[in-house]
């Protein structure tokens, strides 16, 4: 976006502790080369790696950072800030403040957050189609799908599931494909913009088949997507997962539980939608 970024991340703080010291050192130097004067010189890189391998305490700190969202955001945000400041010929703070982070507690939360992020440029009025939404994963998916179709001409085309791309590993979402996800995002964008030319309401057109995999009613899905930033705090998920997270944090309640409980009642009585 013009003044901020949205990123959906999977954080795995455990895996770096399973890597060998050599792998930790090589991964760290690939991101933060530090004093390495020539990355293309194997001897220079090896000297830096040996310096790290001889410092066990430093390797422990590096393992923590390689599994940290905070350090990922630092590595992402700092080069952007330096680049922008060079373009503007100024110095000082570029980002307004520390990033906000929501834990996505279940696959439904991951998927609705993905759709929310993919629709950000459209929602901000920066573009009118998904294909014109720069820097989004849905545009990348569209381009990849088009390339796959071109390569599959004259052959039987097999759709690629979304699972290996997004890390979704729940049985209820295992049949969600790239094209069905794109269809779901496009439909969601039409519903989210009442003034958009050519908009069809839910009564005029049936929601896509893929929506049945992620919600029992279109209103449930739309509430989750549109409320990604405002209806939750610190974590997004079902009422049960939010309460478990609250207990883990030593809290008795968490923002978003009331709305999720209301959705549960609506699921039990569909006529109330």
C-alpha atoms as a PDB file:
ATOM      1  CA  UNK A   1       0.000   0.000   0.000  1.00  0.00           C
ATOM      2  CA  UNK A   2       1.060   3.650  -0.230  1.00  0.00           C
ATOM      3  CA  UNK A   3       1.800   4.046   3.486  1.00  0.00           C
ATOM      4  CA  UNK A   4       1.744   0.586   5.076  1.00  0.00           C
ATOM      5  CA  UNK A   5       2.041  -3.117   4.359  1.00  0.00           C
ATOM      6  CA  UNK A   6       0.031  -6.196   5.305  1.00  0.00           C
ATOM      7  CA  UNK A   7       1.752  -9.568   5.557  1.00  0.00           C
ATOM      8  CA  UNK A   8       0.306 -12.982   6.428  1.00  0.00           C
ATOM      9  CA  UNK A   9       3.089 -15.011   8.043  1.00  0.00           C
ATOM     10  CA  UNK A  10       3.584 -18.445   9.488  1.00  0.00           C
ATOM     11  CA  UNK A  11       5.959 -18.197  12.439  1.00  0.00           C
ATOM     12  CA  UNK A  12       7.941 -21.272  13.494  1.00  0.00           C
ATOM     13  CA  UNK A  13      10.217 -20.440  16.451  1.00  0.00           C
ATOM     14  CA  UNK A  14      11.017 -24.122  17.152  1.00  0.00           C
ATOM     15  CA  UNK A  15      12.649 -25.152  13.859  1.00  0.00           C
ATOM     16  CA  UNK A  16      15.777 -22.932  14.162  1.00  0.00           C
ATOM     17  CA  UNK A  17      16.694 -24.865  17.314  1.00  0.00           C
ATOM     18  CA  UNK A  18      16.695 -28.077  15.272  1.00  0.00           C
ATOM     19  CA  UNK A  19      19.187 -26.767  12.703  1.00  0.00           C
ATOM     20  CA  UNK A  20      22.903 -27.439  13.005  1.00  0.00           C
ATOM     21  CA  UNK A  21      25.195 -24.609  14.046  1.00  0.00           C
ATOM     22  CA  UNK A  22      26.547 -24.462  10.498  1.00  0.00           C
ATOM     23  CA  UNK A  23      23.057 -24.074   8.989  1.00  0.00           C
ATOM     24  CA  UNK A  24      22.141 -21.363  11.494  1.00  0.00           C
ATOM     25  CA  UNK A  25      25.302 -19.418  10.678  1.00  0.00           C
ATOM     26  CA  UNK A  26      24.809 -19.718   6.906  1.00  0.00           C
ATOM     27  CA  UNK A  27      21.159 -18.669   7.049  1.00  0.00           C
ATOM     28  CA  UNK A  28      21.959 -15.680   9.245  1.00  0.00           C
ATOM     29  CA  UNK A  29      24.802 -14.476   7.026  1.00  0.00           C
ATOM     30  CA  UNK A  30      22.559 -14.786   3.963  1.00  0.00           C
ATOM     31  CA  UNK A  31      20.218 -12.211   5.572  1.00  0.00           C
ATOM     32  CA  UNK A  32      22.687 -10.112   7.574  1.00  0.00           C
ATOM     33  CA  UNK A  33      26.141 -10.394   5.929  1.00  0.00           C
ATOM     34  CA  UNK A  34      27.572  -7.818   8.331  1.00  0.00           C
ATOM     35  CA  UNK A  35      31.269  -7.331   7.742  1.00  0.00           C
ATOM     36  CA  UNK A  36      31.456  -9.669   4.724  1.00  0.00           C
ATOM     37  CA  UNK A  37      33.087  -7.502   2.092  1.00  0.00           C
ATOM     38  CA  UNK A  38      32.427  -9.841  -0.820  1.00  0.00           C
ATOM     39  CA  UNK A  39      29.519 -12.289  -0.752  1.00  0.00           C
ATOM     40  CA  UNK A  40      30.815 -13.950  -3.920  1.00  0.00           C
ATOM     41  CA  UNK A  41      34.110 -14.850  -2.241  1.00  0.00           C
ATOM     42  CA  UNK A  42      33.692 -18.272  -0.520  1.00  0.00           C
ATOM     43  CA  UNK A  43      36.739 -17.674   1.677  1.00  0.00           C
ATOM     44  CA  UNK A  44      35.324 -14.387   2.959  1.00  0.00           C
ATOM     45  CA  UNK A  45      31.951 -15.983   3.745  1.00  0.00           C
ATOM     46  CA  UNK A  46      33.631 -18.945   5.429  1.00  0.00           C
ATOM     47  CA  UNK A  47      35.644 -16.695   7.749  1.00  0.00           C
ATOM     48  CA  UNK A  48      32.444 -14.968   8.878  1.00  0.00           C
ATOM     49  CA  UNK A  49      30.736 -18.335   9.408  1.00  0.00           C
ATOM     50  CA  UNK A  50      33.654 -19.667  11.475  1.00  0.00           C
ATOM     51  CA  UNK A  51      33.508 -16.555  13.660  1.00  0.00           C
ATOM     52  CA  UNK A  52      29.863 -17.315  14.442  1.00  0.00           C
ATOM     53  CA  UNK A  53      30.484 -21.045  14.950  1.00  0.00           C
ATOM     54  CA  UNK A  54      33.006 -20.204  17.631  1.00  0.00           C
ATOM     55  CA  UNK A  55      30.468 -18.206  19.656  1.00  0.00           C
ATOM     56  CA  UNK A  56      27.765 -20.481  21.179  1.00  0.00           C
ATOM     57  CA  UNK A  57      25.978 -17.631  22.979  1.00  0.00           C
ATOM     58  CA  UNK A  58      25.717 -15.632  19.761  1.00  0.00           C
ATOM     59  CA  UNK A  59      24.274 -18.672  17.943  1.00  0.00           C
ATOM     60  CA  UNK A  60      21.548 -18.999  20.606  1.00  0.00           C
ATOM     61  CA  UNK A  61      20.572 -15.356  20.064  1.00  0.00           C
ATOM     62  CA  UNK A  62      20.532 -15.889  16.301  1.00  0.00           C
ATOM     63  CA  UNK A  63      18.272 -18.942  16.644  1.00  0.00           C
ATOM     64  CA  UNK A  64      15.768 -16.853  18.580  1.00  0.00           C
ATOM     65  CA  UNK A  65      15.845 -14.126  15.937  1.00  0.00           C
ATOM     66  CA  UNK A  66      15.465 -16.539  12.994  1.00  0.00           C
ATOM     67  CA  UNK A  67      12.158 -17.686  14.502  1.00  0.00           C
ATOM     68  CA  UNK A  68      10.929 -14.222  15.474  1.00  0.00           C
ATOM     69  CA  UNK A  69       8.241 -12.194  13.705  1.00  0.00           C
ATOM     70  CA  UNK A  70       9.741  -9.027  15.181  1.00  0.00           C
ATOM     71  CA  UNK A  71      13.089  -9.673  13.506  1.00  0.00           C
ATOM     72  CA  UNK A  72      11.389 -10.584  10.241  1.00  0.00           C
ATOM     73  CA  UNK A  73       9.565  -7.240  10.281  1.00  0.00           C
ATOM     74  CA  UNK A  74      12.810  -5.470  11.112  1.00  0.00           C
ATOM     75  CA  UNK A  75      14.488  -7.091   8.113  1.00  0.00           C
ATOM     76  CA  UNK A  76      11.526  -6.125   5.920  1.00  0.00           C
ATOM     77  CA  UNK A  77      10.889  -2.588   7.154  1.00  0.00           C
ATOM     78  CA  UNK A  78      14.408  -1.202   7.594  1.00  0.00           C
ATOM     79  CA  UNK A  79      15.514  -1.487   3.913  1.00  0.00           C
ATOM     80  CA  UNK A  80      12.207   0.057   2.789  1.00  0.00           C
ATOM     81  CA  UNK A  81      12.688   2.978   5.202  1.00  0.00           C
ATOM     82  CA  UNK A  82      16.286   3.552   4.075  1.00  0.00           C
ATOM     83  CA  UNK A  83      15.251   3.389   0.412  1.00  0.00           C
ATOM     84  CA  UNK A  84      12.387   5.855   0.890  1.00  0.00           C
ATOM     85  CA  UNK A  85      14.543   8.259   2.893  1.00  0.00           C
ATOM     86  CA  UNK A  86      17.190   8.238   0.167  1.00  0.00           C
ATOM     87  CA  UNK A  87      14.529   9.039  -2.430  1.00  0.00           C
ATOM     88  CA  UNK A  88      13.190  11.912  -0.310  1.00  0.00           C
ATOM     89  CA  UNK A  89      16.640  13.142   0.668  1.00  0.00           C
ATOM     90  CA  UNK A  90      15.832  13.027   4.373  1.00  0.00           C
ATOM     91  CA  UNK A  91      16.570  11.026   7.505  1.00  0.00           C
ATOM     92  CA  UNK A  92      14.751   9.918  10.610  1.00  0.00           C
ATOM     93  CA  UNK A  93      11.782   7.696  11.356  1.00  0.00           C
ATOM     94  CA  UNK A  94       9.881   6.462   8.305  1.00  0.00           C
ATOM     95  CA  UNK A  95       7.223   4.158   9.789  1.00  0.00           C
ATOM     96  CA  UNK A  96       4.679   5.653  12.166  1.00  0.00           C
ATOM     97  CA  UNK A  97       5.277   3.105  14.895  1.00  0.00           C
ATOM     98  CA  UNK A  98       5.718  -0.544  15.759  1.00  0.00           C
ATOM     99  CA  UNK A  99       3.770  -3.003  13.623  1.00  0.00           C
ATOM    100  CA  UNK A 100       0.487  -4.523  14.815  1.00  0.00           C
ATOM    101  CA  UNK A 101       0.212  -8.290  14.948  1.00  0.00           C
ATOM    102  CA  UNK A 102      -2.814 -10.608  15.130  1.00  0.00           C
ATOM    103  CA  UNK A 103      -2.401 -14.315  15.838  1.00  0.00           C
ATOM    104  CA  UNK A 104      -4.494 -16.366  13.383  1.00  0.00           C
ATOM    105  CA  UNK A 105      -5.736 -19.212  15.543  1.00  0.00           C
ATOM    106  CA  UNK A 106      -7.410 -21.469  12.968  1.00  0.00           C
ATOM    107  CA  UNK A 107      -7.587 -22.090   9.233  1.00  0.00           C
ATOM    108  CA  UNK A 108     -10.772 -20.037   8.826  1.00  0.00           C
ATOM    109  CA  UNK A 109      -8.964 -17.050  10.334  1.00  0.00           C
ATOM    110  CA  UNK A 110      -5.988 -17.566   8.009  1.00  0.00           C
ATOM    111  CA  UNK A 111      -8.212 -17.694   4.929  1.00  0.00           C
ATOM    112  CA  UNK A 112     -10.368 -14.671   5.813  1.00  0.00           C
ATOM    113  CA  UNK A 113      -7.251 -12.651   6.630  1.00  0.00           C
ATOM    114  CA  UNK A 114      -5.697 -13.638   3.288  1.00  0.00           C
ATOM    115  CA  UNK A 115      -8.814 -12.420   1.473  1.00  0.00           C
ATOM    116  CA  UNK A 116      -8.818  -9.181   3.485  1.00  0.00           C
ATOM    117  CA  UNK A 117      -5.189  -8.476   2.586  1.00  0.00           C
ATOM    118  CA  UNK A 118      -5.668  -9.373  -1.080  1.00  0.00           C
ATOM    119  CA  UNK A 119      -8.599  -6.945  -1.328  1.00  0.00           C
ATOM    120  CA  UNK A 120      -6.774  -4.035   0.341  1.00  0.00           C
ATOM    121  CA  UNK A 121      -5.874  -2.143  -2.876  1.00  0.00           C
ATOM    122  CA  UNK A 122      -9.422  -2.540  -4.215  1.00  0.00           C
ATOM    123  CA  UNK A 123     -10.903  -1.405  -0.912  1.00  0.00           C
ATOM    124  CA  UNK A 124      -8.626   1.656  -0.919  1.00  0.00           C
ATOM    125  CA  UNK A 125      -9.734   2.620  -4.431  1.00  0.00           C
ATOM    126  CA  UNK A 126      -6.258   2.079  -5.901  1.00  0.00           C
ATOM    127  CA  UNK A 127      -7.561  -0.346  -8.534  1.00  0.00           C
ATOM    128  CA  UNK A 128     -10.803  -1.797  -9.836  1.00  0.00           C
ATOM    129  CA  UNK A 129      -9.753  -5.365 -10.620  1.00  0.00           C
ATOM    130  CA  UNK A 130      -7.706  -8.040  -8.888  1.00  0.00           C
ATOM    131  CA  UNK A 131      -5.362  -8.189 -11.872  1.00  0.00           C
ATOM    132  CA  UNK A 132      -4.472  -4.515 -11.352  1.00  0.00           C
ATOM    133  CA  UNK A 133      -3.843  -4.883  -7.617  1.00  0.00           C
ATOM    134  CA  UNK A 134      -0.075  -4.556  -7.407  1.00  0.00           C
ATOM    135  CA  UNK A 135       1.987  -6.338  -4.746  1.00  0.00           C
ATOM    136  CA  UNK A 136      -0.785  -8.810  -3.779  1.00  0.00           C
ATOM    137  CA  UNK A 137      -0.663 -12.594  -3.685  1.00  0.00           C
ATOM    138  CA  UNK A 138      -3.988 -12.849  -5.538  1.00  0.00           C
ATOM    139  CA  UNK A 139      -2.481 -11.062  -8.531  1.00  0.00           C
ATOM    140  CA  UNK A 140       0.466 -13.469  -8.411  1.00  0.00           C
ATOM    141  CA  UNK A 141      -1.991 -16.381  -8.317  1.00  0.00           C
ATOM    142  CA  UNK A 142      -3.840 -14.995 -11.334  1.00  0.00           C
ATOM    143  CA  UNK A 143      -0.619 -14.624 -13.305  1.00  0.00           C
ATOM    144  CA  UNK A 144       0.537 -18.105 -12.290  1.00  0.00           C
ATOM    145  CA  UNK A 145      -2.809 -19.591 -13.301  1.00  0.00           C
ATOM    146  CA  UNK A 146      -2.637 -17.887 -16.678  1.00  0.00           C
ATOM    147  CA  UNK A 147       0.889 -19.208 -17.219  1.00  0.00           C
ATOM    148  CA  UNK A 148      -0.185 -22.718 -16.230  1.00  0.00           C
ATOM    149  CA  UNK A 149      -3.067 -22.625 -18.716  1.00  0.00           C
ATOM    150  CA  UNK A 150      -0.711 -21.551 -21.476  1.00  0.00           C
ATOM    151  CA  UNK A 151       1.639 -24.448 -20.705  1.00  0.00           C
ATOM    152  CA  UNK A 152      -1.244 -26.917 -20.469  1.00  0.00           C
ATOM    153  CA  UNK A 153      -2.670 -26.192 -23.919  1.00  0.00           C
ATOM    154  CA  UNK A 154      -3.264 -29.502 -25.622  1.00  0.00           C
ATOM    155  CA  UNK A 155      -2.868 -31.364 -22.335  1.00  0.00           C
ATOM    156  CA  UNK A 156      -5.219 -32.310 -19.559  1.00  0.00           C
ATOM    157  CA  UNK A 157      -4.990 -29.497 -17.026  1.00  0.00           C
ATOM    158  CA  UNK A 158      -4.958 -30.325 -13.315  1.00  0.00           C
ATOM    159  CA  UNK A 159      -5.785 -27.590 -10.862  1.00  0.00           C
ATOM    160  CA  UNK A 160      -3.243 -26.897  -8.165  1.00  0.00           C
ATOM    161  CA  UNK A 161      -4.605 -26.953  -4.641  1.00  0.00           C
ATOM    162  CA  UNK A 162      -4.173 -23.904  -2.434  1.00  0.00           C
ATOM    163  CA  UNK A 163      -2.847 -26.027   0.419  1.00  0.00           C
ATOM    164  CA  UNK A 164       0.846 -26.109  -0.578  1.00  0.00           C
ATOM    165  CA  UNK A 165       0.833 -22.357  -1.245  1.00  0.00           C
ATOM    166  CA  UNK A 166      -0.799 -21.091   1.922  1.00  0.00           C
ATOM    167  CA  UNK A 167       0.136 -23.863   4.335  1.00  0.00           C
ATOM    168  CA  UNK A 168      -3.491 -24.803   4.939  1.00  0.00           C
ATOM    169  CA  UNK A 169      -3.581 -28.299   6.406  1.00  0.00           C
ATOM    170  CA  UNK A 170      -7.124 -28.854   7.633  1.00  0.00           C
ATOM    171  CA  UNK A 171      -9.289 -31.487   5.921  1.00  0.00           C
ATOM    172  CA  UNK A 172     -12.202 -29.077   5.459  1.00  0.00           C
ATOM    173  CA  UNK A 173     -10.061 -26.834   3.270  1.00  0.00           C
ATOM    174  CA  UNK A 174      -8.013 -29.494   1.506  1.00  0.00           C
ATOM    175  CA  UNK A 175     -10.035 -29.224  -1.715  1.00  0.00           C
ATOM    176  CA  UNK A 176      -9.655 -25.448  -2.037  1.00  0.00           C
ATOM    177  CA  UNK A 177      -7.820 -24.762  -5.302  1.00  0.00           C
ATOM    178  CA  UNK A 178      -6.060 -21.708  -6.646  1.00  0.00           C
ATOM    179  CA  UNK A 179      -8.950 -20.892  -8.982  1.00  0.00           C
ATOM    180  CA  UNK A 180     -11.598 -21.406  -6.298  1.00  0.00           C
ATOM    181  CA  UNK A 181      -9.701 -19.088  -3.940  1.00  0.00           C
ATOM    182  CA  UNK A 182      -9.465 -16.424  -6.654  1.00  0.00           C
ATOM    183  CA  UNK A 183     -13.193 -16.830  -7.303  1.00  0.00           C
ATOM    184  CA  UNK A 184     -13.902 -16.457  -3.583  1.00  0.00           C
ATOM    185  CA  UNK A 185     -11.797 -13.267  -3.295  1.00  0.00           C
ATOM    186  CA  UNK A 186     -13.413 -11.731  -6.391  1.00  0.00           C
ATOM    187  CA  UNK A 187     -16.924 -12.466  -5.081  1.00  0.00           C
ATOM    188  CA  UNK A 188     -15.985 -11.051  -1.666  1.00  0.00           C
ATOM    189  CA  UNK A 189     -14.756  -7.846  -3.282  1.00  0.00           C
ATOM    190  CA  UNK A 190     -18.037  -7.380  -5.109  1.00  0.00           C
ATOM    191  CA  UNK A 191     -20.022  -7.781  -1.911  1.00  0.00           C
ATOM    192  CA  UNK A 192     -17.729  -5.436  -0.001  1.00  0.00           C
ATOM    193  CA  UNK A 193     -18.307  -2.519  -2.359  1.00  0.00           C
ATOM    194  CA  UNK A 194     -22.020  -1.631  -2.698  1.00  0.00           C
ATOM    195  CA  UNK A 195     -21.249   1.211  -5.152  1.00  0.00           C
ATOM    196  CA  UNK A 196     -19.099  -0.927  -7.421  1.00  0.00           C
ATOM    197  CA  UNK A 197     -20.467  -1.055 -10.953  1.00  0.00           C
ATOM    198  CA  UNK A 198     -21.961  -4.451 -11.788  1.00  0.00           C
ATOM    199  CA  UNK A 199     -22.307  -5.545  -8.171  1.00  0.00           C
ATOM    200  CA  UNK A 200     -24.650  -8.492  -7.588  1.00  0.00           C
ATOM    201  CA  UNK A 201     -26.270  -9.052  -4.221  1.00  0.00           C
ATOM    202  CA  UNK A 202     -26.391 -12.468  -2.605  1.00  0.00           C
ATOM    203  CA  UNK A 203     -30.044 -12.831  -3.603  1.00  0.00           C
ATOM    204  CA  UNK A 204     -29.260 -12.199  -7.275  1.00  0.00           C
ATOM    205  CA  UNK A 205     -26.342 -14.576  -7.587  1.00  0.00           C
ATOM    206  CA  UNK A 206     -25.392 -17.660  -5.616  1.00  0.00           C
ATOM    207  CA  UNK A 207     -22.065 -17.397  -3.761  1.00  0.00           C
ATOM    208  CA  UNK A 208     -19.207 -19.488  -5.179  1.00  0.00           C
ATOM    209  CA  UNK A 209     -19.029 -23.162  -4.291  1.00  0.00           C
ATOM    210  CA  UNK A 210     -15.742 -22.550  -2.471  1.00  0.00           C
ATOM    211  CA  UNK A 211     -17.589 -20.441   0.118  1.00  0.00           C
ATOM    212  CA  UNK A 212     -19.309 -23.566   1.437  1.00  0.00           C
ATOM    213  CA  UNK A 213     -15.923 -24.842   2.568  1.00  0.00           C
ATOM    214  CA  UNK A 214     -15.230 -21.840   4.759  1.00  0.00           C
ATOM    215  CA  UNK A 215     -18.614 -20.640   6.074  1.00  0.00           C
ATOM    216  CA  UNK A 216     -22.205 -21.819   6.396  1.00  0.00           C
ATOM    217  CA  UNK A 217     -23.606 -18.458   5.298  1.00  0.00           C
ATOM    218  CA  UNK A 218     -22.241 -15.613   3.124  1.00  0.00           C
ATOM    219  CA  UNK A 219     -22.888 -13.149   5.939  1.00  0.00           C
ATOM    220  CA  UNK A 220     -20.638 -15.143   8.265  1.00  0.00           C
ATOM    221  CA  UNK A 221     -17.760 -15.018   5.784  1.00  0.00           C
ATOM    222  CA  UNK A 222     -18.226 -11.321   5.034  1.00  0.00           C
ATOM    223  CA  UNK A 223     -18.285 -10.418   8.723  1.00  0.00           C
ATOM    224  CA  UNK A 224     -14.996 -12.235   9.281  1.00  0.00           C
ATOM    225  CA  UNK A 225     -13.262 -10.614   6.315  1.00  0.00           C
ATOM    226  CA  UNK A 226     -14.541  -7.069   6.897  1.00  0.00           C
ATOM    227  CA  UNK A 227     -13.895  -7.242  10.629  1.00  0.00           C
ATOM    228  CA  UNK A 228     -10.319  -8.487  10.366  1.00  0.00           C
ATOM    229  CA  UNK A 229      -8.768  -5.359  11.875  1.00  0.00           C
ATOM    230  CA  UNK A 230     -11.642  -3.862  13.868  1.00  0.00           C
ATOM    231  CA  UNK A 231     -13.519  -6.779  15.436  1.00  0.00           C
ATOM    232  CA  UNK A 232     -10.500  -8.494  16.983  1.00  0.00           C
ATOM    233  CA  UNK A 233      -7.448  -7.603  19.046  1.00  0.00           C
ATOM    234  CA  UNK A 234      -4.243  -9.643  19.291  1.00  0.00           C
ATOM    235  CA  UNK A 235      -5.865 -12.778  17.865  1.00  0.00           C
ATOM    236  CA  UNK A 236      -8.453 -13.869  15.281  1.00  0.00           C
ATOM    237  CA  UNK A 237     -10.392 -17.117  15.378  1.00  0.00           C
ATOM    238  CA  UNK A 238     -13.450 -18.934  16.646  1.00  0.00           C
ATOM    239  CA  UNK A 239     -14.900 -18.259  20.093  1.00  0.00           C
ATOM    240  CA  UNK A 240     -13.336 -21.470  21.420  1.00  0.00           C
ATOM    241  CA  UNK A 241      -9.876 -20.720  20.030  1.00  0.00           C
ATOM    242  CA  UNK A 242     -10.034 -17.122  21.310  1.00  0.00           C
ATOM    243  CA  UNK A 243     -10.920 -18.279  24.829  1.00  0.00           C
ATOM    244  CA  UNK A 244      -8.071 -20.809  24.770  1.00  0.00           C
ATOM    245  CA  UNK A 245      -5.712 -18.031  23.700  1.00  0.00           C
ATOM    246  CA  UNK A 246      -7.036 -15.795  26.480  1.00  0.00           C
ATOM    247  CA  UNK A 247      -6.342 -18.521  29.039  1.00  0.00           C
ATOM    248  CA  UNK A 248      -2.846 -18.961  27.612  1.00  0.00           C
ATOM    249  CA  UNK A 249      -2.230 -15.230  28.116  1.00  0.00           C
ATOM    250  CA  UNK A 250      -3.710 -15.265  31.621  1.00  0.00           C
ATOM    251  CA  UNK A 251      -6.828 -13.337  30.575  1.00  0.00           C
ATOM    252  CA  UNK A 252     -10.499 -14.113  31.163  1.00  0.00           C
ATOM    253  CA  UNK A 253     -11.738 -12.594  27.901  1.00  0.00           C
ATOM    254  CA  UNK A 254     -10.535 -11.485  24.501  1.00  0.00           C
ATOM    255  CA  UNK A 255     -11.960  -9.040  21.991  1.00  0.00           C
ATOM    256  CA  UNK A 256     -13.894 -10.840  19.285  1.00  0.00           C
ATOM    257  CA  UNK A 257     -15.430 -13.573  21.447  1.00  0.00           C
ATOM    258  CA  UNK A 258     -18.825 -11.849  21.659  1.00  0.00           C
ATOM    259  CA  UNK A 259     -19.022 -11.491  17.896  1.00  0.00           C
ATOM    260  CA  UNK A 260     -18.037 -15.121  17.365  1.00  0.00           C
ATOM    261  CA  UNK A 261     -20.680 -16.295  19.848  1.00  0.00           C
ATOM    262  CA  UNK A 262     -23.257 -14.227  17.947  1.00  0.00           C
ATOM    263  CA  UNK A 263     -22.171 -15.942  14.731  1.00  0.00           C
ATOM    264  CA  UNK A 264     -22.630 -19.327  16.392  1.00  0.00           C
ATOM    265  CA  UNK A 265     -26.239 -18.452  17.236  1.00  0.00           C
ATOM    266  CA  UNK A 266     -26.850 -17.336  13.664  1.00  0.00           C
ATOM    267  CA  UNK A 267     -25.417 -20.608  12.377  1.00  0.00           C
ATOM    268  CA  UNK A 268     -27.846 -22.484  14.606  1.00  0.00           C
ATOM    269  CA  UNK A 269     -30.764 -20.342  13.334  1.00  0.00           C
ATOM    270  CA  UNK A 270     -30.036 -19.479   9.653  1.00  0.00           C
ATOM    271  CA  UNK A 271     -33.413 -17.753   9.296  1.00  0.00           C
ATOM    272  CA  UNK A 272     -32.073 -14.887  11.465  1.00  0.00           C
ATOM    273  CA  UNK A 273     -29.604 -13.763   8.783  1.00  0.00           C
END
